[in-house]
Amino acid sequence: MLSARLPSRRTDVQLRVASDDTGGALRFTATGRWQGEPLDIRGKAGSVEGYLDGAQPYPVDARGSIGATRFSVAGSAANLPDLNGLDIRFNLAGPSLAPLYALTGVPLPATPPYRLAGHLVHSGQRWQFDDLDGLVGSSDLRGTFQVDRSTQPQRLEGRLRSRRLDLSDLSGFIGARATSGQEIAPRPGKVLPSRALGFEKIAAADVDIDFAIDDIRNTGLPLEAAEGHLRIDDRRVTLAPLRLGLAKGKVDGRLELDARSQPAKAMLDVRATRLQLRELMPGTESRNFTSGLLGGQAKLAMRGQSVAELLGSADGEVAVAMTGGSTNRLLVRLANLDVANALLTWLSGGQKEDIRCLVGDMTASGGVLKPRTLVLDTTRSRVIGQGTISLRDEQFDLHLRTEPKDGSLLALRGPLYLGGSFAAPVVRPEPIPLGSRIAGAVALGLISPPLALLALIETGGAEDTPCAALLAQRRETPAKP
């Protein structure tokens, strides 16, 4: 029996070796602790003569566990003590990939339970993983992966592909999973992850990985596919290009994160084109009543140690524009609080109302979004929105007022209030004095959406539409009260 104790590395291993009388092969067991984790490995290897000769790769077949991580390997090694010339097939499974960071030094995120299989070749300072085939949570993973430890920091390169990805399986990347793999519930009353991101792992390696995803699930959005390129260079993370298939349209973007300063700095720049509103609306009934093409863009600069802190510090701009389509008139009438019309529309089974233009143009300052322009223009009504959306406090404070086009200016129409938290939003009528209703309705004619939003209409695929014409007209001839 051989023993090895390394208190500084919390390692205490006992190795027992016995010869197989039938062919001289060796059988071995290793028990104890490896970096604080319980270790139990059993297997067989070639003969002592074969090991001492060294003329041929030495065969190894083993299986066991280190902590909650289970593995099996079968293959050979040219130099067994330092595993040089290793050429094996392997299987690996455990409750989360994150504990492998302590065992291997490879910076992996917290995940749900996983299993991986593949071919590993080790030569010098290079570890090459080929034919990767595995499952992480309910997401499949295939491709190649390489670790080069001849540089400081080590370098990871790869090409990974998933035919089906459950987005919740990646929540460890944004601090929503513990190292054990368990999901971390948001703070009470909050929805944004507040756990610090794994900046120590960002510093542990430079990364160059291409990825492609054929089908994305469990997002709450009609995401269809994704592809991109992830680079980490001296603690500077770049995700670009990033391309998403969303709502039959596409989203192109770029994300940068600089972890060299604390708190970290981040920049997000995304642009959406030709999204179909029908696909974005939840529920079969809403999809039957809603259509139209949507474009949008967001440019945000942020600082923070978590997703909540980053978004809570955002400065920049967010804009969306849509034209065409229709919406259930009942929804517009209920927003107006025109009770009689809403009741009649409800009893008649609902009607469609054409959308001429939807424009939202918001500034972000210190994590608070404030609309410069928020207008929904339909064939019968025009709705203007004012207020704030606080990413910092995760609170809504929006007021929607309506200008009717059917002559019933004095009908029972009051503003609608959207408030409360992201976790528990509140929508309720907000009665105001009659004089204020009239003043608010007339003031809608003063809204002049900025010319910059014309580009979003064009990229939405609706150049020759009432929305584009409306924006151009307001630019040339400002409305008067």
Protein backbone atom coordinates (compact mmCIF):
# COMPACT_ATOMS: atom_id res chain seq x y z
CA MET A 1 0.00 0.00 0.00
CA LEU A 2 1.20 3.51 -0.84
CA SER A 3 0.04 6.66 0.96
CA ALA A 4 0.28 10.30 -0.03
CA ARG A 5 -0.63 13.22 2.24
CA LEU A 6 -0.64 16.84 1.15
CA PRO A 7 -2.30 18.85 3.95
CA SER A 8 -1.93 22.13 2.05
CA ARG A 9 -4.07 20.66 -0.74
CA ARG A 10 -6.39 18.77 1.61
CA THR A 11 -5.30 15.51 -0.02
CA ASP A 12 -4.81 12.16 1.70
CA VAL A 13 -4.81 9.13 -0.64
CA GLN A 14 -4.13 5.42 0.00
CA LEU A 15 -3.26 3.32 -3.07
CA ARG A 16 -3.45 -0.50 -2.99
CA VAL A 17 -2.10 -2.55 -5.91
CA ALA A 18 -2.39 -6.32 -6.48
CA SER A 19 -1.26 -8.54 -9.34
CA ASP A 20 -3.69 -10.64 -11.33
CA ASP A 21 -2.14 -14.12 -11.31
CA THR A 22 -3.77 -15.14 -14.58
CA GLY A 23 -2.03 -12.59 -16.82
CA GLY A 24 0.13 -10.34 -14.71
CA ALA A 25 -2.26 -7.39 -15.01
CA LEU A 26 -2.52 -5.08 -12.01
CA ARG A 27 -5.66 -4.30 -10.08
CA PHE A 28 -5.75 -1.19 -7.92
CA THR A 29 -7.91 0.81 -5.55
CA ALA A 30 -7.44 4.39 -4.39
CA THR A 31 -9.35 5.76 -1.42
CA GLY A 32 -9.16 8.81 0.82
CA ARG A 33 -9.67 12.49 0.01
CA TRP A 34 -8.64 14.63 -2.95
CA GLN A 35 -8.73 18.40 -2.35
CA GLY A 36 -11.14 17.80 0.50
CA GLU A 37 -13.51 15.60 -1.50
CA PRO A 38 -13.93 11.88 -0.73
CA LEU A 39 -12.20 9.72 -3.34
CA ASP A 40 -12.91 6.11 -4.34
CA ILE A 41 -11.36 4.71 -7.53
CA ARG A 42 -11.05 1.09 -8.67
CA GLY A 43 -9.61 -0.33 -11.84
CA LYS A 44 -7.04 -2.40 -13.66
CA ALA A 45 -3.88 -1.69 -15.64
CA GLY A 46 -1.20 -3.52 -17.58
CA SER A 47 1.52 -5.64 -16.09
CA VAL A 48 4.51 -4.40 -14.15
CA GLU A 49 6.78 -5.54 -16.97
CA GLY A 50 4.78 -3.55 -19.49
CA TYR A 51 4.98 -0.45 -17.32
CA LEU A 52 8.74 -0.74 -16.80
CA ASP A 53 9.37 -1.49 -20.46
CA GLY A 54 7.57 1.65 -21.64
CA ALA A 55 7.81 0.58 -25.27
CA GLN A 56 4.03 0.54 -25.72
CA PRO A 57 1.26 2.76 -24.31
CA TYR A 58 0.27 1.44 -20.92
CA PRO A 59 -3.40 0.26 -20.78
CA VAL A 60 -5.65 1.70 -18.05
CA ASP A 61 -9.29 0.98 -17.21
CA ALA A 62 -10.81 2.66 -14.14
CA ARG A 63 -14.03 3.96 -12.66
CA GLY A 64 -14.94 5.69 -9.45
CA SER A 65 -15.93 8.98 -7.85
CA ILE A 66 -14.41 12.16 -6.44
CA GLY A 67 -16.99 13.83 -4.26
CA ALA A 68 -20.30 13.73 -6.13
CA THR A 69 -18.53 13.46 -9.50
CA ARG A 70 -18.59 9.98 -11.06
CA PHE A 71 -16.37 8.87 -13.92
CA SER A 72 -15.07 5.95 -15.97
CA VAL A 73 -12.07 5.86 -18.33
CA ALA A 74 -10.67 3.27 -20.71
CA GLY A 75 -7.57 3.67 -22.85
CA SER A 76 -3.84 4.07 -22.43
CA ALA A 77 -1.09 6.40 -21.22
CA ALA A 78 2.49 6.70 -22.43
CA ASN A 79 3.60 7.98 -19.02
CA LEU A 80 1.19 7.02 -16.26
CA PRO A 81 2.44 9.12 -13.31
CA ASP A 82 1.96 12.47 -15.06
CA LEU A 83 -0.75 11.19 -17.46
CA ASN A 84 1.30 12.33 -20.45
CA GLY A 85 0.36 10.63 -23.71
CA LEU A 86 -3.09 9.90 -22.32
CA ASP A 87 -5.53 8.59 -24.94
CA ILE A 88 -8.85 7.50 -23.43
CA ARG A 89 -12.60 7.33 -23.84
CA PHE A 90 -14.35 8.78 -20.81
CA ASN A 91 -17.74 9.17 -19.15
CA LEU A 92 -18.35 11.87 -16.55
CA ALA A 93 -21.43 12.69 -14.48
CA GLY A 94 -22.35 14.79 -11.47
CA PRO A 95 -24.83 17.24 -9.92
CA SER A 96 -23.09 20.34 -11.34
CA LEU A 97 -20.11 21.22 -13.56
CA ALA A 98 -18.91 23.92 -11.14
CA PRO A 99 -17.10 21.55 -8.69
CA LEU A 100 -14.81 20.49 -11.56
CA TYR A 101 -13.16 23.92 -11.27
CA ALA A 102 -11.55 22.94 -7.95
CA LEU A 103 -10.54 19.51 -9.29
CA THR A 104 -9.28 20.47 -12.76
CA GLY A 105 -8.77 24.23 -12.80
CA VAL A 106 -11.12 24.56 -15.79
CA PRO A 107 -13.55 27.45 -15.08
CA LEU A 108 -17.00 25.90 -15.58
CA PRO A 109 -20.35 27.41 -14.45
CA ALA A 110 -22.85 26.00 -11.99
CA THR A 111 -25.32 23.77 -13.83
CA PRO A 112 -28.07 21.23 -13.17
CA PRO A 113 -27.04 17.52 -13.17
CA TYR A 114 -24.98 16.55 -16.19
CA ARG A 115 -23.39 13.63 -18.01
CA LEU A 116 -20.62 13.87 -20.61
CA ALA A 117 -18.83 11.35 -22.80
CA GLY A 118 -16.02 11.78 -25.26
CA HIS A 119 -12.42 11.17 -26.34
CA LEU A 120 -9.54 12.78 -24.42
CA VAL A 121 -5.94 13.09 -25.63
CA HIS A 122 -3.30 14.67 -23.38
CA SER A 123 0.12 15.65 -24.69
CA GLY A 124 2.48 18.00 -22.87
CA GLN A 125 0.40 20.96 -21.65
CA ARG A 126 -2.48 20.39 -24.06
CA TRP A 127 -5.72 18.54 -23.28
CA GLN A 128 -7.91 17.85 -26.31
CA PHE A 129 -11.55 16.75 -25.92
CA ASP A 130 -13.14 15.39 -29.10
CA ASP A 131 -16.50 13.79 -29.91
CA LEU A 132 -18.11 15.44 -26.89
CA ASP A 133 -21.64 14.15 -26.41
CA GLY A 134 -23.59 14.97 -23.30
CA LEU A 135 -26.60 16.31 -21.48
CA VAL A 136 -26.63 19.24 -19.05
CA GLY A 137 -30.01 19.40 -17.37
CA SER A 138 -32.33 18.88 -20.33
CA SER A 139 -29.93 20.49 -22.83
CA ASP A 140 -27.74 18.44 -25.16
CA LEU A 141 -24.14 19.35 -25.96
CA ARG A 142 -21.77 18.28 -28.74
CA GLY A 143 -18.47 19.47 -30.16
CA THR A 144 -14.77 19.82 -29.40
CA PHE A 145 -12.94 21.51 -26.53
CA GLN A 146 -9.26 22.17 -25.88
CA VAL A 147 -7.33 23.30 -22.78
CA ASP A 148 -3.81 24.67 -23.31
CA ARG A 149 -1.86 25.16 -20.07
CA SER A 150 1.38 26.27 -21.70
CA THR A 151 0.26 29.91 -21.32
CA GLN A 152 -0.68 32.07 -18.34
CA PRO A 153 -3.55 32.15 -17.88
CA GLN A 154 -4.54 28.86 -19.50
CA ARG A 155 -6.42 29.06 -22.80
CA LEU A 156 -9.71 27.35 -23.64
CA GLU A 157 -10.84 26.92 -27.25
CA GLY A 158 -13.77 25.06 -28.72
CA ARG A 159 -16.70 24.67 -31.06
CA LEU A 160 -19.89 23.65 -29.29
CA ARG A 161 -23.35 22.92 -30.62
CA SER A 162 -26.70 22.16 -29.02
CA ARG A 163 -29.72 20.83 -30.86
CA ARG A 164 -31.97 21.77 -27.93
CA LEU A 165 -31.15 24.18 -25.11
CA ASP A 166 -33.22 24.85 -22.00
CA LEU A 167 -32.24 28.40 -21.04
CA SER A 168 -32.65 27.69 -17.32
CA ASP A 169 -29.72 25.27 -17.60
CA LEU A 170 -27.48 28.29 -18.26
CA SER A 171 -28.66 30.30 -15.25
CA GLY A 172 -25.33 29.65 -13.54
CA PHE A 173 -23.71 32.08 -15.99
CA ILE A 174 -25.73 34.96 -14.49
CA GLY A 175 -25.38 33.96 -10.85
CA ALA A 176 -28.75 32.22 -10.49
CA ARG A 177 -27.29 28.85 -9.42
CA ALA A 178 -25.09 27.82 -6.50
CA THR A 179 -21.92 25.78 -7.07
CA SER A 180 -23.89 22.68 -6.07
CA GLY A 181 -26.19 23.25 -9.06
CA GLN A 182 -29.24 24.28 -7.04
CA GLU A 183 -31.16 27.25 -8.42
CA ILE A 184 -31.01 30.36 -6.25
CA ALA A 185 -34.34 32.05 -5.67
CA PRO A 186 -34.35 35.82 -6.24
CA ARG A 187 -34.53 38.12 -3.25
CA PRO A 188 -38.06 38.42 -1.82
CA GLY A 189 -40.10 40.61 -4.14
CA LYS A 190 -37.35 40.72 -6.78
CA VAL A 191 -36.76 38.90 -10.08
CA LEU A 192 -33.23 39.92 -11.16
CA PRO A 193 -30.34 37.68 -10.00
CA SER A 194 -28.34 39.41 -7.25
CA ARG A 195 -25.63 36.78 -6.69
CA ALA A 196 -22.17 38.04 -7.68
CA LEU A 197 -20.95 36.76 -11.03
CA GLY A 198 -17.97 34.37 -11.04
CA PHE A 199 -15.23 36.90 -11.73
CA GLU A 200 -12.57 34.58 -10.30
CA LYS A 201 -13.41 32.12 -13.10
CA ILE A 202 -13.17 34.89 -15.70
CA ALA A 203 -9.61 35.49 -14.52
CA ALA A 204 -8.74 31.77 -14.58
CA ALA A 205 -8.57 31.40 -18.38
CA ASP A 206 -8.60 33.12 -21.74
CA VAL A 207 -11.40 31.75 -23.91
CA ASP A 208 -12.20 31.50 -27.62
CA ILE A 209 -15.39 29.50 -28.27
CA ASP A 210 -17.85 29.39 -31.16
CA PHE A 211 -21.32 28.10 -30.33
CA ALA A 212 -24.57 27.36 -32.14
CA ILE A 213 -28.00 26.43 -30.75
CA ASP A 214 -30.71 25.02 -33.00
CA ASP A 215 -33.69 25.26 -30.63
CA ILE A 216 -34.11 27.26 -27.40
CA ARG A 217 -36.70 26.39 -24.74
CA ASN A 218 -38.06 27.78 -21.46
CA THR A 219 -37.43 31.47 -22.09
CA GLY A 220 -40.89 33.00 -21.89
CA LEU A 221 -40.11 34.35 -25.37
CA PRO A 222 -40.35 32.77 -28.83
CA LEU A 223 -36.58 32.33 -29.17
CA GLU A 224 -35.83 29.99 -32.06
CA ALA A 225 -32.04 29.69 -32.42
CA ALA A 226 -28.75 31.34 -31.49
CA GLU A 227 -25.15 31.49 -32.56
CA GLY A 228 -22.19 33.52 -31.45
CA HIS A 229 -18.56 33.84 -30.51
CA LEU A 230 -17.36 34.13 -26.90
CA ARG A 231 -13.92 35.56 -26.14
CA ILE A 232 -12.21 36.26 -22.83
CA ASP A 233 -8.89 38.08 -23.01
CA ASP A 234 -7.24 39.24 -19.77
CA ARG A 235 -10.58 39.38 -17.90
CA ARG A 236 -12.30 41.23 -20.74
CA VAL A 237 -15.34 39.29 -21.97
CA THR A 238 -16.74 39.84 -25.46
CA LEU A 239 -19.81 38.11 -26.80
CA ALA A 240 -19.87 39.14 -30.45
CA PRO A 241 -21.26 38.54 -32.84
CA LEU A 242 -24.41 37.33 -31.10
CA ARG A 243 -27.33 36.39 -33.35
CA LEU A 244 -30.73 35.25 -32.13
CA GLY A 245 -33.81 34.06 -33.98
CA LEU A 246 -36.76 35.69 -32.21
CA ALA A 247 -40.45 35.87 -33.15
CA LYS A 248 -39.73 34.99 -36.80
CA GLY A 249 -37.28 37.92 -36.95
CA LYS A 250 -33.73 38.34 -35.76
CA VAL A 251 -31.71 40.06 -33.05
CA ASP A 252 -28.06 41.02 -33.55
CA GLY A 253 -25.99 42.23 -30.66
CA ARG A 254 -22.77 42.66 -28.77
CA LEU A 255 -22.03 42.31 -25.05
CA GLU A 256 -18.77 43.43 -23.43
CA LEU A 257 -17.76 42.96 -19.79
CA ASP A 258 -14.52 44.28 -18.32
CA ALA A 259 -13.73 42.57 -15.01
CA ARG A 260 -10.35 44.27 -14.60
CA SER A 261 -12.04 47.01 -12.57
CA GLN A 262 -14.33 46.57 -9.59
CA PRO A 263 -17.20 46.94 -9.95
CA ALA A 264 -17.05 45.49 -13.45
CA LYS A 265 -17.97 47.58 -16.47
CA ALA A 266 -20.36 46.31 -19.14
CA MET A 267 -21.74 47.49 -22.47
CA LEU A 268 -24.76 46.07 -24.29
CA ASP A 269 -25.70 46.94 -27.87
CA VAL A 270 -28.56 44.96 -29.47
CA ARG A 271 -30.80 45.55 -32.47
CA ALA A 272 -33.99 43.68 -33.36
CA THR A 273 -35.51 43.60 -36.86
CA ARG A 274 -38.72 42.25 -38.37
CA LEU A 275 -40.09 40.70 -35.18
CA GLN A 276 -43.70 39.54 -35.48
CA LEU A 277 -45.78 40.88 -32.61
CA ARG A 278 -48.16 37.95 -33.05
CA GLU A 279 -45.36 35.64 -31.91
CA LEU A 280 -44.44 37.81 -28.93
CA MET A 281 -47.94 37.92 -27.45
CA PRO A 282 -48.62 35.14 -24.92
CA GLY A 283 -51.64 32.90 -25.28
CA THR A 284 -53.54 31.60 -28.28
CA GLU A 285 -56.32 34.20 -28.05
CA SER A 286 -53.92 37.17 -28.12
CA ARG A 287 -52.12 35.72 -31.11
CA ASN A 288 -55.41 35.52 -32.97
CA PHE A 289 -55.96 39.26 -32.51
CA THR A 290 -52.49 40.71 -32.90
CA SER A 291 -50.03 41.05 -35.76
CA GLY A 292 -47.50 43.54 -37.06
CA LEU A 293 -43.75 43.98 -37.47
CA LEU A 294 -41.52 45.33 -34.70
CA GLY A 295 -38.02 46.79 -34.66
CA GLY A 296 -35.97 47.88 -31.68
CA GLN A 297 -32.58 48.87 -30.38
CA ALA A 298 -30.89 49.19 -26.96
CA LYS A 299 -27.51 50.69 -26.06
CA LEU A 300 -26.63 50.52 -22.37
CA ALA A 301 -23.50 51.14 -20.31
CA MET A 302 -23.48 49.48 -16.88
CA ARG A 303 -21.38 48.79 -13.77
CA GLY A 304 -21.85 46.12 -11.12
CA GLN A 305 -20.99 42.72 -9.67
CA SER A 306 -24.31 40.99 -10.46
CA VAL A 307 -27.04 41.12 -13.09
CA ALA A 308 -29.20 43.17 -10.70
CA GLU A 309 -26.39 45.69 -10.08
CA LEU A 310 -25.49 45.94 -13.76
CA LEU A 311 -29.05 46.66 -14.92
CA GLY A 312 -29.65 48.86 -11.87
CA SER A 313 -26.87 51.20 -13.03
CA ALA A 314 -27.74 51.29 -16.74
CA ASP A 315 -27.24 54.51 -18.72
CA GLY A 316 -28.19 54.80 -22.38
CA GLU A 317 -31.19 54.47 -24.67
CA VAL A 318 -33.89 51.93 -25.51
CA ALA A 319 -36.25 52.32 -28.47
CA VAL A 320 -38.92 50.23 -30.20
CA ALA A 321 -41.20 50.92 -33.15
CA MET A 322 -43.94 48.89 -34.79
CA THR A 323 -46.36 49.35 -37.63
CA GLY A 324 -49.23 47.38 -39.08
CA GLY A 325 -51.33 44.66 -37.52
CA SER A 326 -54.38 44.83 -35.32
CA THR A 327 -55.41 44.47 -31.72
CA ASN A 328 -58.59 43.51 -29.97
CA ARG A 329 -60.64 46.71 -29.61
CA LEU A 330 -61.71 45.53 -26.19
CA LEU A 331 -58.17 46.03 -24.88
CA VAL A 332 -58.10 49.62 -26.14
CA ARG A 333 -61.54 50.35 -24.74
CA LEU A 334 -60.68 48.91 -21.35
CA ALA A 335 -57.57 51.11 -21.28
CA ASN A 336 -59.89 54.05 -21.94
CA LEU A 337 -62.28 52.99 -19.19
CA ASP A 338 -65.10 53.63 -21.65
CA VAL A 339 -67.25 51.13 -19.75
CA ALA A 340 -70.23 51.09 -22.10
CA ASN A 341 -68.15 50.51 -25.22
CA ALA A 342 -66.04 47.90 -23.46
CA LEU A 343 -69.15 46.00 -22.38
CA LEU A 344 -70.69 46.17 -25.87
CA THR A 345 -67.43 45.02 -27.44
CA TRP A 346 -67.18 42.17 -24.96
CA LEU A 347 -70.74 41.04 -25.64
CA SER A 348 -70.16 41.19 -29.39
CA GLY A 349 -67.25 38.81 -29.09
CA GLY A 350 -64.46 41.34 -29.59
CA GLN A 351 -63.41 43.25 -32.68
CA LYS A 352 -60.13 44.03 -34.33
CA GLU A 353 -58.73 47.55 -34.38
CA ASP A 354 -55.96 48.41 -36.83
CA ILE A 355 -52.66 49.63 -35.39
CA ARG A 356 -51.18 52.52 -37.34
CA CYS A 357 -48.04 53.02 -35.26
CA LEU A 358 -46.41 52.07 -31.96
CA VAL A 359 -43.38 54.07 -30.85
CA GLY A 360 -41.39 53.80 -27.64
CA ASP A 361 -38.25 55.87 -27.10
CA MET A 362 -36.73 55.79 -23.60
CA THR A 363 -33.63 57.11 -21.92
CA ALA A 364 -31.86 55.15 -19.19
CA SER A 365 -30.13 56.96 -16.34
CA GLY A 366 -28.93 55.25 -13.19
CA GLY A 367 -31.05 52.20 -13.96
CA VAL A 368 -34.27 54.18 -14.49
CA LEU A 369 -36.00 54.13 -17.89
CA LYS A 370 -38.01 57.25 -18.74
CA PRO A 371 -40.04 57.55 -21.96
CA ARG A 372 -39.27 60.49 -24.21
CA THR A 373 -41.99 59.17 -26.48
CA LEU A 374 -44.46 56.36 -25.80
CA VAL A 375 -47.36 56.37 -28.29
CA LEU A 376 -49.80 53.78 -29.60
CA ASP A 377 -51.78 55.11 -32.57
CA THR A 378 -54.76 53.05 -33.81
CA THR A 379 -57.53 53.84 -36.24
CA ARG A 380 -59.83 54.87 -33.36
CA SER A 381 -57.59 55.94 -30.50
CA ARG A 382 -54.20 57.32 -29.63
CA VAL A 383 -52.56 56.34 -26.34
CA ILE A 384 -49.66 58.21 -24.75
CA GLY A 385 -47.57 56.85 -21.90
CA GLN A 386 -45.56 58.70 -19.27
CA GLY A 387 -43.71 57.70 -16.12
CA THR A 388 -40.71 55.50 -15.32
CA ILE A 389 -39.52 51.90 -15.23
CA SER A 390 -36.88 51.41 -12.55
CA LEU A 391 -34.48 48.55 -13.19
CA ARG A 392 -32.68 49.65 -10.04
CA ASP A 393 -35.69 49.17 -7.74
CA GLU A 394 -37.56 46.75 -10.02
CA GLN A 395 -40.63 48.99 -10.02
CA PHE A 396 -43.16 50.14 -12.64
CA ASP A 397 -44.67 53.67 -12.55
CA LEU A 398 -46.40 54.21 -15.90
CA HIS A 399 -49.51 56.26 -16.72
CA LEU A 400 -51.41 55.69 -19.98
CA ARG A 401 -53.84 58.32 -21.33
CA THR A 402 -56.06 58.06 -24.39
CA GLU A 403 -57.19 60.48 -27.08
CA PRO A 404 -60.26 59.05 -28.86
CA LYS A 405 -60.80 59.58 -32.57
CA ASP A 406 -64.50 58.74 -32.62
CA GLY A 407 -65.79 62.04 -31.24
CA SER A 408 -66.57 60.71 -27.74
CA LEU A 409 -64.01 62.97 -26.07
CA LEU A 410 -66.26 63.45 -23.04
CA ALA A 411 -66.98 59.75 -22.58
CA LEU A 412 -65.91 58.08 -19.38
CA ARG A 413 -62.22 57.80 -20.25
CA GLY A 414 -59.51 57.98 -17.62
CA PRO A 415 -55.89 56.98 -17.58
CA LEU A 416 -54.64 53.51 -16.81
CA TYR A 417 -51.90 53.00 -14.23
CA LEU A 418 -49.22 50.31 -14.41
CA GLY A 419 -47.33 50.12 -11.14
CA GLY A 420 -45.98 47.76 -8.54
CA SER A 421 -42.90 45.59 -8.70
CA PHE A 422 -41.55 43.41 -11.51
CA ALA A 423 -42.48 40.42 -9.35
CA ALA A 424 -46.05 41.65 -8.67
CA PRO A 425 -47.15 44.32 -11.18
CA VAL A 426 -50.43 46.20 -10.62
CA VAL A 427 -52.76 47.50 -13.34
CA ARG A 428 -55.66 49.69 -12.27
CA PRO A 429 -57.80 52.63 -13.43
CA GLU A 430 -56.52 56.04 -12.43
CA PRO A 431 -59.45 58.51 -12.41
CA ILE A 432 -58.59 62.17 -12.88
CA PRO A 433 -60.77 65.32 -12.99
CA LEU A 434 -62.67 65.86 -16.23
CA GLY A 435 -60.71 69.00 -17.10
CA SER A 436 -57.48 67.11 -16.79
CA ARG A 437 -58.82 64.40 -19.08
CA ILE A 438 -59.51 66.94 -21.79
CA ALA A 439 -56.18 68.71 -21.34
CA GLY A 440 -54.32 65.41 -21.42
CA ALA A 441 -56.12 64.29 -24.54
CA VAL A 442 -55.47 67.52 -26.42
CA ALA A 443 -51.83 67.51 -25.35
CA LEU A 444 -51.32 64.24 -27.20
CA GLY A 445 -51.10 66.22 -30.42
CA LEU A 446 -47.85 67.77 -29.18
CA ILE A 447 -45.94 64.49 -29.16
CA SER A 448 -43.27 64.44 -31.83
CA PRO A 449 -41.38 61.15 -32.01
CA PRO A 450 -37.68 61.62 -32.84
CA LEU A 451 -36.51 61.05 -36.38
CA ALA A 452 -34.06 58.37 -35.21
CA LEU A 453 -36.97 55.96 -34.79
CA LEU A 454 -37.61 56.02 -38.53
CA ALA A 455 -34.69 53.62 -38.91
CA LEU A 456 -36.42 51.14 -36.62
CA ILE A 457 -39.57 51.32 -38.72
CA GLU A 458 -37.51 50.64 -41.83
CA THR A 459 -35.63 47.72 -40.30
CA GLY A 460 -38.97 46.40 -39.10
CA GLY A 461 -39.85 45.96 -42.75
CA ALA A 462 -42.53 48.63 -42.92
CA GLU A 463 -41.07 51.54 -44.89
CA ASP A 464 -44.26 52.56 -46.72
CA THR A 465 -46.73 52.49 -43.86
CA PRO A 466 -48.84 54.92 -41.80
CA CYS A 467 -46.26 54.75 -39.00
CA ALA A 468 -43.36 55.83 -41.17
CA ALA A 469 -45.55 58.51 -42.75
CA LEU A 470 -46.70 59.72 -39.33
CA LEU A 471 -43.15 60.08 -38.03
CA ALA A 472 -42.03 61.87 -41.19
CA GLN A 473 -45.05 64.21 -41.07
CA ARG A 474 -44.42 65.10 -37.44
CA ARG A 475 -40.81 65.87 -38.29
CA GLU A 476 -41.77 68.24 -41.14
CA THR A 477 -44.79 69.89 -39.51
CA PRO A 478 -44.78 69.90 -35.71
CA ALA A 479 -48.26 69.53 -34.30
CA LYS A 480 -49.92 72.44 -32.53
CA PRO A 481 -52.29 72.31 -29.54
